C-alpha atoms as a PDB file:
ATOM      1  CA  MET A   1       0.000   0.000   0.000  1.00  0.00           C
ATOM      2  CA  THR A   2       1.487   3.349  -1.044  1.00  0.00           C
ATOM      3  CA  LEU A   3       0.897   6.723   0.536  1.00  0.00           C
ATOM      4  CA  SER A   4      -1.376   9.066  -1.371  1.00  0.00           C
ATOM      5  CA  PRO A   5      -2.358  12.697  -0.772  1.00  0.00           C
ATOM      6  CA  ARG A   6      -5.775  11.525   0.395  1.00  0.00           C
ATOM      7  CA  LYS A   7      -4.292   9.095   2.951  1.00  0.00           C
ATOM      8  CA  LEU A   8      -1.829  11.704   4.211  1.00  0.00           C
ATOM      9  CA  ASN A   9      -4.565  14.310   4.613  1.00  0.00           C
ATOM     10  CA  ALA A  10      -6.705  11.817   6.560  1.00  0.00           C
ATOM     11  CA  PHE A  11      -3.648  11.054   8.714  1.00  0.00           C
ATOM     12  CA  LEU A  12      -3.287  14.791   9.407  1.00  0.00           C
ATOM     13  CA  SER A  13      -6.877  15.151  10.517  1.00  0.00           C
ATOM     14  CA  PHE A  14      -6.438  12.444  13.179  1.00  0.00           C
ATOM     15  CA  LYS A  15      -2.777  12.642  14.199  1.00  0.00           C
ATOM     16  CA  LEU A  16      -1.898  16.311  13.567  1.00  0.00           C
ATOM     17  CA  PRO A  17      -5.188  18.169  13.897  1.00  0.00           C
ATOM     18  CA  SER A  18      -3.562  21.592  14.327  1.00  0.00           C
ATOM     19  CA  ALA A  19      -1.929  21.275  10.898  1.00  0.00           C
ATOM     20  CA  TYR A  20      -5.203  20.110   9.385  1.00  0.00           C
ATOM     21  CA  LEU A  21      -7.182  22.969  10.957  1.00  0.00           C
ATOM     22  CA  CYS A  22      -4.609  25.486   9.687  1.00  0.00           C
ATOM     23  CA  GLY A  23      -5.191  24.220   6.133  1.00  0.00           C
ATOM     24  CA  VAL A  24      -2.030  22.173   5.518  1.00  0.00           C
ATOM     25  CA  ARG A  25      -2.802  19.675   2.713  1.00  0.00           C
ATOM     26  CA  THR A  26      -0.685  17.235   0.735  1.00  0.00           C
ATOM     27  CA  THR A  27      -1.258  17.724  -2.991  1.00  0.00           C
ATOM     28  CA  TYR A  28       1.242  15.291  -4.546  1.00  0.00           C
ATOM     29  CA  ILE A  29       3.635  12.501  -3.553  1.00  0.00           C
ATOM     30  CA  ASP A  30       5.718  10.021  -5.516  1.00  0.00           C
ATOM     31  CA  ASP A  31       9.132   8.322  -5.168  1.00  0.00           C
ATOM     32  CA  GLN A  32      11.071  11.523  -5.803  1.00  0.00           C
ATOM     33  CA  GLN A  33       9.081  14.386  -4.309  1.00  0.00           C
ATOM     34  CA  CYS A  34       6.260  15.570  -2.105  1.00  0.00           C
ATOM     35  CA  LYS A  35       4.191  18.754  -2.468  1.00  0.00           C
ATOM     36  CA  VAL A  36       2.138  20.380   0.279  1.00  0.00           C
ATOM     37  CA  SER A  37      -0.037  23.480   0.057  1.00  0.00           C
ATOM     38  CA  VAL A  38      -1.438  25.885   2.641  1.00  0.00           C
ATOM     39  CA  LYS A  39      -3.431  29.071   2.149  1.00  0.00           C
ATOM     40  CA  HIS A  40      -2.992  32.192   4.270  1.00  0.00           C
ATOM     41  CA  ARG A  41      -6.192  32.564   6.298  1.00  0.00           C
ATOM     42  CA  TRP A  42      -7.328  34.136   9.537  1.00  0.00           C
ATOM     43  CA  ILE A  43      -6.590  30.982  11.576  1.00  0.00           C
ATOM     44  CA  ASN A  44      -2.941  30.753  10.473  1.00  0.00           C
ATOM     45  CA  GLN A  45      -1.934  34.401  10.348  1.00  0.00           C
ATOM     46  CA  ASN A  46       0.519  36.372  12.454  1.00  0.00           C
ATOM     47  CA  PRO A  47       0.054  39.982  13.666  1.00  0.00           C
ATOM     48  CA  PHE A  48       1.780  41.237  10.484  1.00  0.00           C
ATOM     49  CA  ASN A  49      -0.939  39.922   8.156  1.00  0.00           C
ATOM     50  CA  SER A  50       1.056  37.032   6.749  1.00  0.00           C
ATOM     51  CA  MET A  51       1.273  33.317   7.485  1.00  0.00           C
ATOM     52  CA  PHE A  52       2.674  32.379  10.899  1.00  0.00           C
ATOM     53  CA  TRP A  53       6.127  30.820  10.615  1.00  0.00           C
ATOM     54  CA  ALA A  54       5.078  27.666  12.499  1.00  0.00           C
ATOM     55  CA  VAL A  55       2.340  26.909   9.956  1.00  0.00           C
ATOM     56  CA  GLN A  56       4.933  27.157   7.213  1.00  0.00           C
ATOM     57  CA  GLY A  57       7.127  24.847   9.273  1.00  0.00           C
ATOM     58  CA  MET A  58       4.353  22.256   9.598  1.00  0.00           C
ATOM     59  CA  ALA A  59       3.827  22.250   5.838  1.00  0.00           C
ATOM     60  CA  ALA A  60       7.556  22.099   5.099  1.00  0.00           C
ATOM     61  CA  GLU A  61       8.171  19.298   7.591  1.00  0.00           C
ATOM     62  CA  LEU A  62       5.299  17.305   6.100  1.00  0.00           C
ATOM     63  CA  THR A  63       6.955  17.320   2.669  1.00  0.00           C
ATOM     64  CA  THR A  64      10.110  15.749   4.100  1.00  0.00           C
ATOM     65  CA  GLY A  65       8.376  13.500   6.630  1.00  0.00           C
ATOM     66  CA  ALA A  66       5.853  12.089   4.172  1.00  0.00           C
ATOM     67  CA  LEU A  67       8.658  11.129   1.784  1.00  0.00           C
ATOM     68  CA  MET A  68      10.530   9.524   4.677  1.00  0.00           C
ATOM     69  CA  MET A  69       7.429   7.574   5.827  1.00  0.00           C
ATOM     70  CA  SER A  70       6.760   6.411   2.279  1.00  0.00           C
ATOM     71  CA  LYS A  71      10.329   5.160   1.778  1.00  0.00           C
ATOM     72  CA  ILE A  72      10.424   3.420   5.161  1.00  0.00           C
ATOM     73  CA  LYS A  73       7.132   1.692   4.413  1.00  0.00           C
ATOM     74  CA  ALA A  74       8.443   0.571   1.008  1.00  0.00           C
ATOM     75  CA  SER A  75      11.608  -0.871   2.597  1.00  0.00           C
ATOM     76  CA  GLY A  76       9.561  -3.319   4.662  1.00  0.00           C
ATOM     77  CA  LYS A  77      11.978  -2.879   7.571  1.00  0.00           C
ATOM     78  CA  PRO A  78      11.198  -1.623  11.086  1.00  0.00           C
ATOM     79  CA  ILE A  79      12.866   1.782  10.951  1.00  0.00           C
ATOM     80  CA  SER A  80      12.285   4.638  13.380  1.00  0.00           C
ATOM     81  CA  MET A  81      12.485   8.280  12.285  1.00  0.00           C
ATOM     82  CA  LEU A  82      12.879  11.530  14.195  1.00  0.00           C
ATOM     83  CA  VAL A  83      13.686  15.168  13.434  1.00  0.00           C
ATOM     84  CA  ALA A  84      16.905  16.006  15.296  1.00  0.00           C
ATOM     85  CA  ASN A  85      17.479  19.539  14.062  1.00  0.00           C
ATOM     86  CA  ASN A  86      16.107  22.158  11.711  1.00  0.00           C
ATOM     87  CA  ASN A  87      16.771  25.648  10.400  1.00  0.00           C
ATOM     88  CA  CYS A  88      14.939  28.003   8.111  1.00  0.00           C
ATOM     89  CA  SER A  89      15.038  31.360   6.386  1.00  0.00           C
ATOM     90  CA  PHE A  90      12.234  33.671   5.312  1.00  0.00           C
ATOM     91  CA  THR A  91      12.643  35.916   2.271  1.00  0.00           C
ATOM     92  CA  LYS A  92       9.176  37.334   1.631  1.00  0.00           C
ATOM     93  CA  LYS A  93       5.822  37.709   3.404  1.00  0.00           C
ATOM     94  CA  ALA A  94       3.786  34.538   3.013  1.00  0.00           C
ATOM     95  CA  THR A  95       0.340  35.569   1.757  1.00  0.00           C
ATOM     96  CA  GLY A  96      -2.081  33.746  -0.526  1.00  0.00           C
ATOM     97  CA  ARG A  97      -1.438  30.085  -1.313  1.00  0.00           C
ATOM     98  CA  ILE A  98       2.020  28.831  -0.374  1.00  0.00           C
ATOM     99  CA  ASN A  99       3.296  25.611  -1.933  1.00  0.00           C
ATOM    100  CA  PHE A 100       6.106  23.594  -0.369  1.00  0.00           C
ATOM    101  CA  ILE A 101       8.129  20.995  -2.236  1.00  0.00           C
ATOM    102  CA  CYS A 102      10.809  18.511  -1.244  1.00  0.00           C
ATOM    103  CA  THR A 103      12.550  16.687  -4.099  1.00  0.00           C
ATOM    104  CA  GLU A 104      15.042  14.609  -2.129  1.00  0.00           C
ATOM    105  CA  GLY A 105      13.606  11.099  -2.358  1.00  0.00           C
ATOM    106  CA  PRO A 106      16.896   9.594  -3.634  1.00  0.00           C
ATOM    107  CA  LYS A 107      18.770  10.868  -0.545  1.00  0.00           C
ATOM    108  CA  ILE A 108      16.382   8.896   1.644  1.00  0.00           C
ATOM    109  CA  ASP A 109      16.953   5.724  -0.368  1.00  0.00           C
ATOM    110  CA  ALA A 110      20.721   5.961   0.246  1.00  0.00           C
ATOM    111  CA  ALA A 111      20.266   6.588   3.985  1.00  0.00           C
ATOM    112  CA  ILE A 112      17.859   3.664   4.372  1.00  0.00           C
ATOM    113  CA  ARG A 113      20.223   1.331   2.492  1.00  0.00           C
ATOM    114  CA  ALA A 114      23.088   2.420   4.783  1.00  0.00           C
ATOM    115  CA  ALA A 115      20.977   1.964   7.936  1.00  0.00           C
ATOM    116  CA  ILE A 116      19.979  -1.550   6.856  1.00  0.00           C
ATOM    117  CA  ALA A 117      23.503  -2.539   5.761  1.00  0.00           C
ATOM    118  CA  THR A 118      25.320  -1.252   8.843  1.00  0.00           C
ATOM    119  CA  GLY A 119      22.617  -1.516  11.496  1.00  0.00           C
ATOM    120  CA  GLU A 120      23.668   1.954  12.654  1.00  0.00           C
ATOM    121  CA  GLY A 121      21.609   5.116  12.787  1.00  0.00           C
ATOM    122  CA  GLN A 122      21.868   7.528   9.892  1.00  0.00           C
ATOM    123  CA  THR A 123      21.228  11.252   9.584  1.00  0.00           C
ATOM    124  CA  ILE A 124      20.028  13.059   6.502  1.00  0.00           C
ATOM    125  CA  TRP A 125      19.412  16.755   5.859  1.00  0.00           C
ATOM    126  CA  MET A 126      16.382  17.408   3.691  1.00  0.00           C
ATOM    127  CA  ASN A 127      15.238  20.696   2.165  1.00  0.00           C
ATOM    128  CA  SER A 128      11.735  22.053   1.545  1.00  0.00           C
ATOM    129  CA  VAL A 129      11.134  25.293  -0.348  1.00  0.00           C
ATOM    130  CA  GLY A 130       7.973  27.366   0.002  1.00  0.00           C
ATOM    131  CA  THR A 131       6.834  29.517  -2.920  1.00  0.00           C
ATOM    132  CA  ASN A 132       3.867  31.819  -3.440  1.00  0.00           C
ATOM    133  CA  ALA A 133       1.425  31.794  -6.396  1.00  0.00           C
ATOM    134  CA  GLU A 134       3.897  33.804  -8.512  1.00  0.00           C
ATOM    135  CA  GLY A 135       6.612  31.187  -7.916  1.00  0.00           C
ATOM    136  CA  VAL A 136       8.645  33.481  -5.657  1.00  0.00           C
ATOM    137  CA  GLU A 137      10.392  31.775  -2.742  1.00  0.00           C
ATOM    138  CA  VAL A 138       8.973  32.889   0.618  1.00  0.00           C
ATOM    139  CA  SER A 139      10.725  30.410   2.916  1.00  0.00           C
ATOM    140  CA  ASN A 140      13.341  27.696   2.891  1.00  0.00           C
ATOM    141  CA  PHE A 141      13.409  24.945   5.544  1.00  0.00           C
ATOM    142  CA  ASN A 142      16.027  22.293   6.291  1.00  0.00           C
ATOM    143  CA  PHE A 143      15.296  19.302   8.517  1.00  0.00           C
ATOM    144  CA  GLU A 144      17.844  16.852   9.877  1.00  0.00           C
ATOM    145  CA  TRP A 145      16.142  13.472  10.061  1.00  0.00           C
ATOM    146  CA  THR A 146      17.611  10.556  11.956  1.00  0.00           C
ATOM    147  CA  ILE A 147      16.680   7.007  11.074  1.00  0.00           C
ATOM    148  CA  LYS A 148      17.565   3.800  12.840  1.00  0.00           C
ATOM    149  CA  LEU A 149      16.769   0.152  12.291  1.00  0.00           C
ATOM    150  CA  ARG A 150      14.703  -1.135  15.226  1.00  0.00           C
ATOM    151  CA  ILE A 151      15.809  -4.475  16.569  1.00  0.00           C
END
């Protein structure tokens, strides 16, 4: 069974209700990339009339985490995953619909292969870029994921 946008959005509604209520939605996922969208609304705004940074962070993390979950599921191995670190930068006010994309599926494949082969934990930095409707970058997030084979 593969992950689909519909399954991920249902997962959000039950396991991450704050992200769901703020409008975070997966729009596309495959082996290589994941896309998530969120629209600036009253419930997710900051006092400066733009999207709160944490809402952008939820959407960005979902792009990387959904890819990671999908790859772990496909491996058939019991692998745990956890965000160990993150950083971000903001370059423009986030208003309107903001789309986040992570295109680092192949990096995950290499990390999972190494974790399985060595039995040791692996770390992987993954990037998610948020753009507005005009295609202008509004934020850039990096997440350091750790994975480890459970014994």
